[in-house]
Amino acid sequence: MKNCPNCKAEMEDNFDVCWQCNFSISENKVIEFEETTVSAKKINCLRCDVQMMLSGNYKFHEGTKFGIFGNLLEAFVNRESFDLYVCPKCGKVEFFSPQV
């Protein structure tokens, strides 16, 4: 585990963006995400029955970075993209295939 340099929240070692304040370690700044669009799904949290908010589309990859060539060799790694929804009340997270 490591701590976010911006808000000091605990982060997994393989995460590059803080889940709490959206600080990107690789870009050394807080990332601004676009507001949810009209095409966002209307999904209620199964735990608290509150409408979940679209946090954005996130890209994940399998495997680890390869030393100093990490960013270059990621072009050859399997990458998946998901829409991430978060419950504002309990923090539950759900992933969905991106909408076209």
PDB file of N, CA and C in Angstrom:
ATOM      1  N   MET A   1       0.850  -1.183   0.000  1.00  0.00           N
ATOM      2  CA  MET A   1       0.000   0.000   0.000  1.00  0.00           C
ATOM      3  C   MET A   1       0.886   1.234   0.000  1.00  0.00           C
ATOM      4  N   LYS A   2       0.380   2.274  -0.667  1.00  0.00           N
ATOM      5  CA  LYS A   2       1.078   3.554  -0.665  1.00  0.00           C
ATOM      6  C   LYS A   2       0.060   4.644  -0.357  1.00  0.00           C
ATOM      7  N   ASN A   3       0.524   5.827  -0.051  1.00  0.00           N
ATOM      8  CA  ASN A   3      -0.356   6.944   0.264  1.00  0.00           C
ATOM      9  C   ASN A   3      -0.355   7.955  -0.869  1.00  0.00           C
ATOM     10  N   CYS A   4      -1.517   8.535  -1.127  1.00  0.00           N
ATOM     11  CA  CYS A   4      -1.671   9.577  -2.143  1.00  0.00           C
ATOM     12  C   CYS A   4      -0.888  10.811  -1.693  1.00  0.00           C
ATOM     13  N   PRO A   5      -0.073  11.399  -2.572  1.00  0.00           N
ATOM     14  CA  PRO A   5       0.669  12.604  -2.198  1.00  0.00           C
ATOM     15  C   PRO A   5      -0.238  13.824  -1.990  1.00  0.00           C
ATOM     16  N   ASN A   6      -1.445  13.784  -2.549  1.00  0.00           N
ATOM     17  CA  ASN A   6      -2.350  14.928  -2.470  1.00  0.00           C
ATOM     18  C   ASN A   6      -3.220  14.897  -1.213  1.00  0.00           C
ATOM     19  N   CYS A   7      -3.925  13.772  -0.963  1.00  0.00           N
ATOM     20  CA  CYS A   7      -4.877  13.723   0.159  1.00  0.00           C
ATOM     21  C   CYS A   7      -4.476  12.723   1.243  1.00  0.00           C
ATOM     22  N   LYS A   8      -3.383  11.996   1.036  1.00  0.00           N
ATOM     23  CA  LYS A   8      -2.842  11.026   2.007  1.00  0.00           C
ATOM     24  C   LYS A   8      -3.709   9.778   2.185  1.00  0.00           C
ATOM     25  N   ALA A   9      -4.676   9.543   1.275  1.00  0.00           N
ATOM     26  CA  ALA A   9      -5.491   8.325   1.343  1.00  0.00           C
ATOM     27  C   ALA A   9      -4.643   7.129   0.926  1.00  0.00           C
ATOM     28  N   GLU A  10      -4.948   5.948   1.471  1.00  0.00           N
ATOM     29  CA  GLU A  10      -4.227   4.741   1.104  1.00  0.00           C
ATOM     30  C   GLU A  10      -4.630   4.297  -0.287  1.00  0.00           C
ATOM     31  N   MET A  11      -3.636   3.902  -1.093  1.00  0.00           N
ATOM     32  CA  MET A  11      -3.859   3.438  -2.461  1.00  0.00           C
ATOM     33  C   MET A  11      -3.194   2.077  -2.636  1.00  0.00           C
ATOM     34  N   GLU A  12      -3.773   1.252  -3.485  1.00  0.00           N
ATOM     35  CA  GLU A  12      -3.123  -0.002  -3.843  1.00  0.00           C
ATOM     36  C   GLU A  12      -1.832   0.326  -4.600  1.00  0.00           C
ATOM     37  N   ASP A  13      -0.839  -0.531  -4.497  1.00  0.00           N
ATOM     38  CA  ASP A  13       0.452  -0.279  -5.141  1.00  0.00           C
ATOM     39  C   ASP A  13       0.352  -0.182  -6.661  1.00  0.00           C
ATOM     40  N   ASN A  14      -0.595  -0.921  -7.266  1.00  0.00           N
ATOM     41  CA  ASN A  14      -0.689  -0.922  -8.722  1.00  0.00           C
ATOM     42  C   ASN A  14      -1.649   0.141  -9.259  1.00  0.00           C
ATOM     43  N   PHE A  15      -2.229   0.995  -8.414  1.00  0.00           N
ATOM     44  CA  PHE A  15      -3.106   2.071  -8.871  1.00  0.00           C
ATOM     45  C   PHE A  15      -2.277   3.315  -9.131  1.00  0.00           C
ATOM     46  N   ASP A  16      -2.583   4.018 -10.217  1.00  0.00           N
ATOM     47  CA  ASP A  16      -1.899   5.270 -10.539  1.00  0.00           C
ATOM     48  C   ASP A  16      -2.751   6.485 -10.226  1.00  0.00           C
ATOM     49  N   VAL A  17      -4.066   6.276  -9.979  1.00  0.00           N
ATOM     50  CA  VAL A  17      -4.974   7.391  -9.687  1.00  0.00           C
ATOM     51  C   VAL A  17      -5.631   7.142  -8.329  1.00  0.00           C
ATOM     52  N   CYS A  18      -5.645   8.159  -7.488  1.00  0.00           N
ATOM     53  CA  CYS A  18      -6.257   8.050  -6.163  1.00  0.00           C
ATOM     54  C   CYS A  18      -7.774   7.936  -6.305  1.00  0.00           C
ATOM     55  N   TRP A  19      -8.362   7.006  -5.590  1.00  0.00           N
ATOM     56  CA  TRP A  19      -9.815   6.792  -5.657  1.00  0.00           C
ATOM     57  C   TRP A  19     -10.566   7.908  -4.964  1.00  0.00           C
ATOM     58  N   GLN A  20      -9.928   8.626  -4.060  1.00  0.00           N
ATOM     59  CA  GLN A  20     -10.626   9.633  -3.279  1.00  0.00           C
ATOM     60  C   GLN A  20     -10.580  11.027  -3.909  1.00  0.00           C
ATOM     61  N   CYS A  21      -9.416  11.440  -4.409  1.00  0.00           N
ATOM     62  CA  CYS A  21      -9.288  12.817  -4.913  1.00  0.00           C
ATOM     63  C   CYS A  21      -8.943  12.890  -6.392  1.00  0.00           C
ATOM     64  N   ASN A  22      -8.820  11.749  -7.082  1.00  0.00           N
ATOM     65  CA  ASN A  22      -8.499  11.672  -8.508  1.00  0.00           C
ATOM     66  C   ASN A  22      -7.127  12.245  -8.841  1.00  0.00           C
ATOM     67  N   PHE A  23      -6.184  12.172  -7.907  1.00  0.00           N
ATOM     68  CA  PHE A  23      -4.812  12.624  -8.163  1.00  0.00           C
ATOM     69  C   PHE A  23      -4.086  11.542  -8.945  1.00  0.00           C
ATOM     70  N   SER A  24      -3.524  11.911 -10.106  1.00  0.00           N
ATOM     71  CA  SER A  24      -2.774  10.980 -10.941  1.00  0.00           C
ATOM     72  C   SER A  24      -1.301  11.071 -10.585  1.00  0.00           C
ATOM     73  N   ILE A  25      -0.727   9.966 -10.169  1.00  0.00           N
ATOM     74  CA  ILE A  25       0.688   9.954  -9.798  1.00  0.00           C
ATOM     75  C   ILE A  25       1.556  10.126 -11.039  1.00  0.00           C
ATOM     76  N   SER A  26       1.187   9.495 -12.154  1.00  0.00           N
ATOM     77  CA  SER A  26       2.002   9.598 -13.365  1.00  0.00           C
ATOM     78  C   SER A  26       1.972  11.004 -13.957  1.00  0.00           C
ATOM     79  N   GLU A  27       0.822  11.716 -13.852  1.00  0.00           N
ATOM     80  CA  GLU A  27       0.717  13.073 -14.390  1.00  0.00           C
ATOM     81  C   GLU A  27       0.999  14.142 -13.336  1.00  0.00           C
ATOM     82  N   ASN A  28       1.087  13.733 -12.071  1.00  0.00           N
ATOM     83  CA  ASN A  28       1.374  14.625 -10.945  1.00  0.00           C
ATOM     84  C   ASN A  28       0.379  15.783 -10.842  1.00  0.00           C
ATOM     85  N   LYS A  29      -0.918  15.467 -11.034  1.00  0.00           N
ATOM     86  CA  LYS A  29      -1.974  16.482 -10.902  1.00  0.00           C
ATOM     87  C   LYS A  29      -3.309  15.788 -10.677  1.00  0.00           C
ATOM     88  N   VAL A  30      -4.287  16.564 -10.214  1.00  0.00           N
ATOM     89  CA  VAL A  30      -5.642  16.054 -10.033  1.00  0.00           C
ATOM     90  C   VAL A  30      -6.316  16.026 -11.397  1.00  0.00           C
ATOM     91  N   ILE A  31      -6.896  14.890 -11.745  1.00  0.00           N
ATOM     92  CA  ILE A  31      -7.550  14.728 -13.042  1.00  0.00           C
ATOM     93  C   ILE A  31      -9.002  15.146 -12.919  1.00  0.00           C
ATOM     94  N   GLU A  32      -9.445  15.996 -13.813  1.00  0.00           N
ATOM     95  CA  GLU A  32     -10.845  16.413 -13.850  1.00  0.00           C
ATOM     96  C   GLU A  32     -11.607  15.494 -14.791  1.00  0.00           C
ATOM     97  N   PHE A  33     -12.711  14.944 -14.312  1.00  0.00           N
ATOM     98  CA  PHE A  33     -13.544  14.081 -15.133  1.00  0.00           C
ATOM     99  C   PHE A  33     -14.752  14.857 -15.616  1.00  0.00           C
ATOM    100  N   GLU A  34     -15.196  14.510 -16.830  1.00  0.00           N
ATOM    101  CA  GLU A  34     -16.368  15.169 -17.389  1.00  0.00           C
ATOM    102  C   GLU A  34     -17.600  14.821 -16.571  1.00  0.00           C
ATOM    103  N   GLU A  35     -18.550  15.742 -16.543  1.00  0.00           N
ATOM    104  CA  GLU A  35     -19.817  15.492 -15.858  1.00  0.00           C
ATOM    105  C   GLU A  35     -20.547  14.347 -16.545  1.00  0.00           C
ATOM    106  N   THR A  36     -21.427  13.695 -15.805  1.00  0.00           N
ATOM    107  CA  THR A  36     -22.191  12.611 -16.403  1.00  0.00           C
ATOM    108  C   THR A  36     -23.064  13.146 -17.528  1.00  0.00           C
ATOM    109  N   THR A  37     -23.220  12.331 -18.537  1.00  0.00           N
ATOM    110  CA  THR A  37     -23.994  12.737 -19.694  1.00  0.00           C
ATOM    111  C   THR A  37     -25.405  12.180 -19.599  1.00  0.00           C
ATOM    112  N   VAL A  38     -26.250  12.601 -20.535  1.00  0.00           N
ATOM    113  CA  VAL A  38     -27.623  12.127 -20.568  1.00  0.00           C
ATOM    114  C   VAL A  38     -27.666  10.624 -20.823  1.00  0.00           C
ATOM    115  N   SER A  39     -26.626  10.091 -21.500  1.00  0.00           N
ATOM    116  CA  SER A  39     -26.620   8.672 -21.843  1.00  0.00           C
ATOM    117  C   SER A  39     -26.247   7.774 -20.657  1.00  0.00           C
ATOM    118  N   ALA A  40     -25.950   8.365 -19.488  1.00  0.00           N
ATOM    119  CA  ALA A  40     -25.617   7.549 -18.322  1.00  0.00           C
ATOM    120  C   ALA A  40     -26.824   6.709 -17.919  1.00  0.00           C
ATOM    121  N   LYS A  41     -26.539   5.464 -17.515  1.00  0.00           N
ATOM    122  CA  LYS A  41     -27.612   4.573 -17.092  1.00  0.00           C
ATOM    123  C   LYS A  41     -28.205   5.051 -15.776  1.00  0.00           C
ATOM    124  N   LYS A  42     -29.478   4.806 -15.584  1.00  0.00           N
ATOM    125  CA  LYS A  42     -30.140   5.080 -14.305  1.00  0.00           C
ATOM    126  C   LYS A  42     -30.088   3.790 -13.501  1.00  0.00           C
ATOM    127  N   ILE A  43     -29.138   3.720 -12.566  1.00  0.00           N
ATOM    128  CA  ILE A  43     -28.921   2.511 -11.782  1.00  0.00           C
ATOM    129  C   ILE A  43     -29.038   2.862 -10.310  1.00  0.00           C
ATOM    130  N   ASN A  44     -29.820   2.091  -9.583  1.00  0.00           N
ATOM    131  CA  ASN A  44     -29.929   2.274  -8.138  1.00  0.00           C
ATOM    132  C   ASN A  44     -29.032   1.279  -7.430  1.00  0.00           C
ATOM    133  N   CYS A  45     -28.435   1.718  -6.334  1.00  0.00           N
ATOM    134  CA  CYS A  45     -27.588   0.863  -5.512  1.00  0.00           C
ATOM    135  C   CYS A  45     -28.454  -0.243  -4.908  1.00  0.00           C
ATOM    136  N   LEU A  46     -27.950  -1.465  -4.953  1.00  0.00           N
ATOM    137  CA  LEU A  46     -28.702  -2.590  -4.411  1.00  0.00           C
ATOM    138  C   LEU A  46     -28.745  -2.567  -2.893  1.00  0.00           C
ATOM    139  N   ARG A  47     -27.815  -1.862  -2.263  1.00  0.00           N
ATOM    140  CA  ARG A  47     -27.775  -1.810  -0.802  1.00  0.00           C
ATOM    141  C   ARG A  47     -28.660  -0.712  -0.238  1.00  0.00           C
ATOM    142  N   CYS A  48     -28.562   0.511  -0.802  1.00  0.00           N
ATOM    143  CA  CYS A  48     -29.282   1.651  -0.197  1.00  0.00           C
ATOM    144  C   CYS A  48     -30.380   2.224  -1.072  1.00  0.00           C
ATOM    145  N   ASP A  49     -30.581   1.698  -2.259  1.00  0.00           N
ATOM    146  CA  ASP A  49     -31.630   2.160  -3.167  1.00  0.00           C
ATOM    147  C   ASP A  49     -31.493   3.658  -3.478  1.00  0.00           C
ATOM    148  N   VAL A  50     -30.241   4.120  -3.667  1.00  0.00           N
ATOM    149  CA  VAL A  50     -29.933   5.498  -4.060  1.00  0.00           C
ATOM    150  C   VAL A  50     -29.363   5.431  -5.466  1.00  0.00           C
ATOM    151  N   GLN A  51     -29.677   6.427  -6.304  1.00  0.00           N
ATOM    152  CA  GLN A  51     -29.170   6.407  -7.672  1.00  0.00           C
ATOM    153  C   GLN A  51     -27.650   6.530  -7.680  1.00  0.00           C
ATOM    154  N   MET A  52     -27.001   5.620  -8.419  1.00  0.00           N
ATOM    155  CA  MET A  52     -25.550   5.613  -8.512  1.00  0.00           C
ATOM    156  C   MET A  52     -25.087   6.655  -9.530  1.00  0.00           C
ATOM    157  N   MET A  53     -23.882   7.192  -9.314  1.00  0.00           N
ATOM    158  CA  MET A  53     -23.333   8.215 -10.198  1.00  0.00           C
ATOM    159  C   MET A  53     -22.280   7.598 -11.105  1.00  0.00           C
ATOM    160  N   LEU A  54     -22.282   8.006 -12.374  1.00  0.00           N
ATOM    161  CA  LEU A  54     -21.258   7.568 -13.310  1.00  0.00           C
ATOM    162  C   LEU A  54     -19.975   8.310 -12.985  1.00  0.00           C
ATOM    163  N   SER A  55     -18.930   7.571 -12.639  1.00  0.00           N
ATOM    164  CA  SER A  55     -17.639   8.175 -12.307  1.00  0.00           C
ATOM    165  C   SER A  55     -16.805   8.392 -13.555  1.00  0.00           C
ATOM    166  N   GLY A  56     -17.054   7.621 -14.600  1.00  0.00           N
ATOM    167  CA  GLY A  56     -16.315   7.773 -15.850  1.00  0.00           C
ATOM    168  C   GLY A  56     -15.991   6.422 -16.443  1.00  0.00           C
ATOM    169  N   ASN A  57     -15.255   6.464 -17.550  1.00  0.00           N
ATOM    170  CA  ASN A  57     -14.819   5.257 -18.227  1.00  0.00           C
ATOM    171  C   ASN A  57     -13.353   5.039 -17.872  1.00  0.00           C
ATOM    172  N   TYR A  58     -13.049   3.865 -17.351  1.00  0.00           N
ATOM    173  CA  TYR A  58     -11.695   3.563 -16.911  1.00  0.00           C
ATOM    174  C   TYR A  58     -11.135   2.416 -17.721  1.00  0.00           C
ATOM    175  N   LYS A  59      -9.838   2.494 -18.024  1.00  0.00           N
ATOM    176  CA  LYS A  59      -9.156   1.443 -18.777  1.00  0.00           C
ATOM    177  C   LYS A  59      -8.254   0.684 -17.825  1.00  0.00           C
ATOM    178  N   PHE A  60      -8.357  -0.633 -17.847  1.00  0.00           N
ATOM    179  CA  PHE A  60      -7.548  -1.509 -17.018  1.00  0.00           C
ATOM    180  C   PHE A  60      -6.731  -2.418 -17.917  1.00  0.00           C
ATOM    181  N   HIS A  61      -5.608  -2.902 -17.426  1.00  0.00           N
ATOM    182  CA  HIS A  61      -4.802  -3.839 -18.199  1.00  0.00           C
ATOM    183  C   HIS A  61      -4.383  -5.009 -17.321  1.00  0.00           C
ATOM    184  N   GLU A  62      -4.106  -6.118 -17.999  1.00  0.00           N
ATOM    185  CA  GLU A  62      -3.660  -7.313 -17.295  1.00  0.00           C
ATOM    186  C   GLU A  62      -2.144  -7.285 -17.190  1.00  0.00           C
ATOM    187  N   GLY A  63      -1.634  -7.782 -16.087  1.00  0.00           N
ATOM    188  CA  GLY A  63      -0.192  -7.886 -15.941  1.00  0.00           C
ATOM    189  C   GLY A  63       0.409  -6.705 -15.213  1.00  0.00           C
ATOM    190  N   THR A  64       1.732  -6.662 -15.219  1.00  0.00           N
ATOM    191  CA  THR A  64       2.459  -5.609 -14.516  1.00  0.00           C
ATOM    192  C   THR A  64       3.240  -4.773 -15.510  1.00  0.00           C
ATOM    193  N   LYS A  65       3.737  -3.641 -15.041  1.00  0.00           N
ATOM    194  CA  LYS A  65       4.593  -2.813 -15.888  1.00  0.00           C
ATOM    195  C   LYS A  65       5.963  -3.463 -15.995  1.00  0.00           C
ATOM    196  N   PHE A  66       6.643  -3.205 -17.093  1.00  0.00           N
ATOM    197  CA  PHE A  66       7.902  -3.864 -17.383  1.00  0.00           C
ATOM    198  C   PHE A  66       9.078  -2.899 -17.224  1.00  0.00           C
ATOM    199  N   GLY A  67       9.408  -2.554 -16.001  1.00  0.00           N
ATOM    200  CA  GLY A  67      10.577  -1.722 -15.728  1.00  0.00           C
ATOM    201  C   GLY A  67      10.525  -0.365 -16.404  1.00  0.00           C
ATOM    202  N   ILE A  68      11.653   0.049 -16.992  1.00  0.00           N
ATOM    203  CA  ILE A  68      11.716   1.372 -17.607  1.00  0.00           C
ATOM    204  C   ILE A  68      10.929   1.449 -18.901  1.00  0.00           C
ATOM    205  N   PHE A  69      10.582   0.300 -19.489  1.00  0.00           N
ATOM    206  CA  PHE A  69       9.811   0.272 -20.725  1.00  0.00           C
ATOM    207  C   PHE A  69       8.323   0.081 -20.464  1.00  0.00           C
ATOM    208  N   GLY A  70       7.868   0.318 -19.233  1.00  0.00           N
ATOM    209  CA  GLY A  70       6.491   0.060 -18.830  1.00  0.00           C
ATOM    210  C   GLY A  70       5.453   0.667 -19.739  1.00  0.00           C
ATOM    211  N   ASN A  71       5.506   1.976 -19.998  1.00  0.00           N
ATOM    212  CA  ASN A  71       4.488   2.625 -20.816  1.00  0.00           C
ATOM    213  C   ASN A  71       4.567   2.185 -22.274  1.00  0.00           C
ATOM    214  N   LEU A  72       5.754   1.933 -22.785  1.00  0.00           N
ATOM    215  CA  LEU A  72       5.913   1.510 -24.172  1.00  0.00           C
ATOM    216  C   LEU A  72       5.361   0.108 -24.388  1.00  0.00           C
ATOM    217  N   LEU A  73       5.673  -0.806 -23.480  1.00  0.00           N
ATOM    218  CA  LEU A  73       5.238  -2.194 -23.643  1.00  0.00           C
ATOM    219  C   LEU A  73       3.768  -2.413 -23.300  1.00  0.00           C
ATOM    220  N   GLU A  74       3.100  -1.416 -22.689  1.00  0.00           N
ATOM    221  CA  GLU A  74       1.670  -1.565 -22.404  1.00  0.00           C
ATOM    222  C   GLU A  74       0.844  -1.633 -23.678  1.00  0.00           C
ATOM    223  N   ALA A  75       1.399  -1.214 -24.798  1.00  0.00           N
ATOM    224  CA  ALA A  75       0.691  -1.305 -26.080  1.00  0.00           C
ATOM    225  C   ALA A  75       0.428  -2.758 -26.454  1.00  0.00           C
ATOM    226  N   PHE A  76       1.225  -3.684 -25.913  1.00  0.00           N
ATOM    227  CA  PHE A  76       1.089  -5.093 -26.249  1.00  0.00           C
ATOM    228  C   PHE A  76       0.355  -5.892 -25.175  1.00  0.00           C
ATOM    229  N   VAL A  77      -0.193  -5.220 -24.172  1.00  0.00           N
ATOM    230  CA  VAL A  77      -0.896  -5.869 -23.073  1.00  0.00           C
ATOM    231  C   VAL A  77      -2.400  -5.750 -23.319  1.00  0.00           C
ATOM    232  N   ASN A  78      -3.157  -6.780 -22.915  1.00  0.00           N
ATOM    233  CA  ASN A  78      -4.612  -6.751 -23.087  1.00  0.00           C
ATOM    234  C   ASN A  78      -5.208  -5.658 -22.209  1.00  0.00           C
ATOM    235  N   ARG A  79      -5.972  -4.741 -22.826  1.00  0.00           N
ATOM    236  CA  ARG A  79      -6.609  -3.647 -22.091  1.00  0.00           C
ATOM    237  C   ARG A  79      -8.122  -3.768 -22.232  1.00  0.00           C
ATOM    238  N   GLU A  80      -8.829  -3.538 -21.145  1.00  0.00           N
ATOM    239  CA  GLU A  80     -10.285  -3.552 -21.126  1.00  0.00           C
ATOM    240  C   GLU A  80     -10.781  -2.204 -20.642  1.00  0.00           C
ATOM    241  N   SER A  81     -11.952  -1.800 -21.098  1.00  0.00           N
ATOM    242  CA  SER A  81     -12.531  -0.520 -20.720  1.00  0.00           C
ATOM    243  C   SER A  81     -13.895  -0.759 -20.088  1.00  0.00           C
ATOM    244  N   PHE A  82     -14.169  -0.078 -18.963  1.00  0.00           N
ATOM    245  CA  PHE A  82     -15.436  -0.241 -18.252  1.00  0.00           C
ATOM    246  C   PHE A  82     -15.972   1.110 -17.801  1.00  0.00           C
ATOM    247  N   ASP A  83     -17.309   1.250 -17.779  1.00  0.00           N
ATOM    248  CA  ASP A  83     -17.958   2.395 -17.149  1.00  0.00           C
ATOM    249  C   ASP A  83     -18.058   2.069 -15.662  1.00  0.00           C
ATOM    250  N   LEU A  84     -17.639   3.009 -14.809  1.00  0.00           N
ATOM    251  CA  LEU A  84     -17.611   2.780 -13.375  1.00  0.00           C
ATOM    252  C   LEU A  84     -18.685   3.634 -12.709  1.00  0.00           C
ATOM    253  N   TYR A  85     -19.589   2.990 -11.957  1.00  0.00           N
ATOM    254  CA  TYR A  85     -20.655   3.670 -11.235  1.00  0.00           C
ATOM    255  C   TYR A  85     -20.392   3.545  -9.734  1.00  0.00           C
ATOM    256  N   VAL A  86     -20.620   4.641  -8.989  1.00  0.00           N
ATOM    257  CA  VAL A  86     -20.348   4.681  -7.554  1.00  0.00           C
ATOM    258  C   VAL A  86     -21.603   5.145  -6.824  1.00  0.00           C
ATOM    259  N   CYS A  87     -21.922   4.472  -5.705  1.00  0.00           N
ATOM    260  CA  CYS A  87     -23.025   4.895  -4.849  1.00  0.00           C
ATOM    261  C   CYS A  87     -22.529   6.034  -3.960  1.00  0.00           C
ATOM    262  N   PRO A  88     -23.187   7.207  -3.988  1.00  0.00           N
ATOM    263  CA  PRO A  88     -22.726   8.325  -3.171  1.00  0.00           C
ATOM    264  C   PRO A  88     -22.957   8.122  -1.678  1.00  0.00           C
ATOM    265  N   LYS A  89     -23.793   7.159  -1.308  1.00  0.00           N
ATOM    266  CA  LYS A  89     -24.110   6.943   0.104  1.00  0.00           C
ATOM    267  C   LYS A  89     -23.184   5.920   0.755  1.00  0.00           C
ATOM    268  N   CYS A  90     -23.056   4.730   0.144  1.00  0.00           N
ATOM    269  CA  CYS A  90     -22.271   3.668   0.786  1.00  0.00           C
ATOM    270  C   CYS A  90     -20.932   3.404   0.108  1.00  0.00           C
ATOM    271  N   GLY A  91     -20.706   3.972  -1.073  1.00  0.00           N
ATOM    272  CA  GLY A  91     -19.423   3.802  -1.754  1.00  0.00           C
ATOM    273  C   GLY A  91     -19.305   2.540  -2.584  1.00  0.00           C
ATOM    274  N   LYS A  92     -20.394   1.790  -2.741  1.00  0.00           N
ATOM    275  CA  LYS A  92     -20.370   0.575  -3.558  1.00  0.00           C
ATOM    276  C   LYS A  92     -20.001   0.949  -4.993  1.00  0.00           C
ATOM    277  N   VAL A  93     -19.196   0.119  -5.649  1.00  0.00           N
ATOM    278  CA  VAL A  93     -18.746   0.368  -7.020  1.00  0.00           C
ATOM    279  C   VAL A  93     -19.236  -0.766  -7.913  1.00  0.00           C
ATOM    280  N   GLU A  94     -19.711  -0.412  -9.109  1.00  0.00           N
ATOM    281  CA  GLU A  94     -20.121  -1.409 -10.086  1.00  0.00           C
ATOM    282  C   GLU A  94     -19.499  -1.072 -11.433  1.00  0.00           C
ATOM    283  N   PHE A  95     -19.097  -2.110 -12.162  1.00  0.00           N
ATOM    284  CA  PHE A  95     -18.506  -1.950 -13.482  1.00  0.00           C
ATOM    285  C   PHE A  95     -19.490  -2.456 -14.539  1.00  0.00           C
ATOM    286  N   PHE A  96     -19.561  -1.741 -15.664  1.00  0.00           N
ATOM    287  CA  PHE A  96     -20.409  -2.139 -16.780  1.00  0.00           C
ATOM    288  C   PHE A  96     -19.631  -1.980 -18.067  1.00  0.00           C
ATOM    289  N   SER A  97     -19.975  -2.772 -19.076  1.00  0.00           N
ATOM    290  CA  SER A  97     -19.370  -2.595 -20.396  1.00  0.00           C
ATOM    291  C   SER A  97     -19.730  -1.196 -20.898  1.00  0.00           C
ATOM    292  N   PRO A  98     -18.815  -0.529 -21.602  1.00  0.00           N
ATOM    293  CA  PRO A  98     -19.083   0.841 -22.054  1.00  0.00           C
ATOM    294  C   PRO A  98     -20.272   0.908 -22.996  1.00  0.00           C
ATOM    295  N   GLN A  99     -21.009   2.009 -22.900  1.00  0.00           N
ATOM    296  CA  GLN A  99     -22.131   2.229 -23.805  1.00  0.00           C
ATOM    297  C   GLN A  99     -21.605   2.766 -25.125  1.00  0.00           C
ATOM    298  N   VAL A 100     -22.232   2.353 -26.194  1.00  0.00           N
ATOM    299  CA  VAL A 100     -21.805   2.813 -27.521  1.00  0.00           C
ATOM    300  C   VAL A 100     -22.679   3.953 -27.964  1.00  0.00           C
TER     301      VAL A 100
END
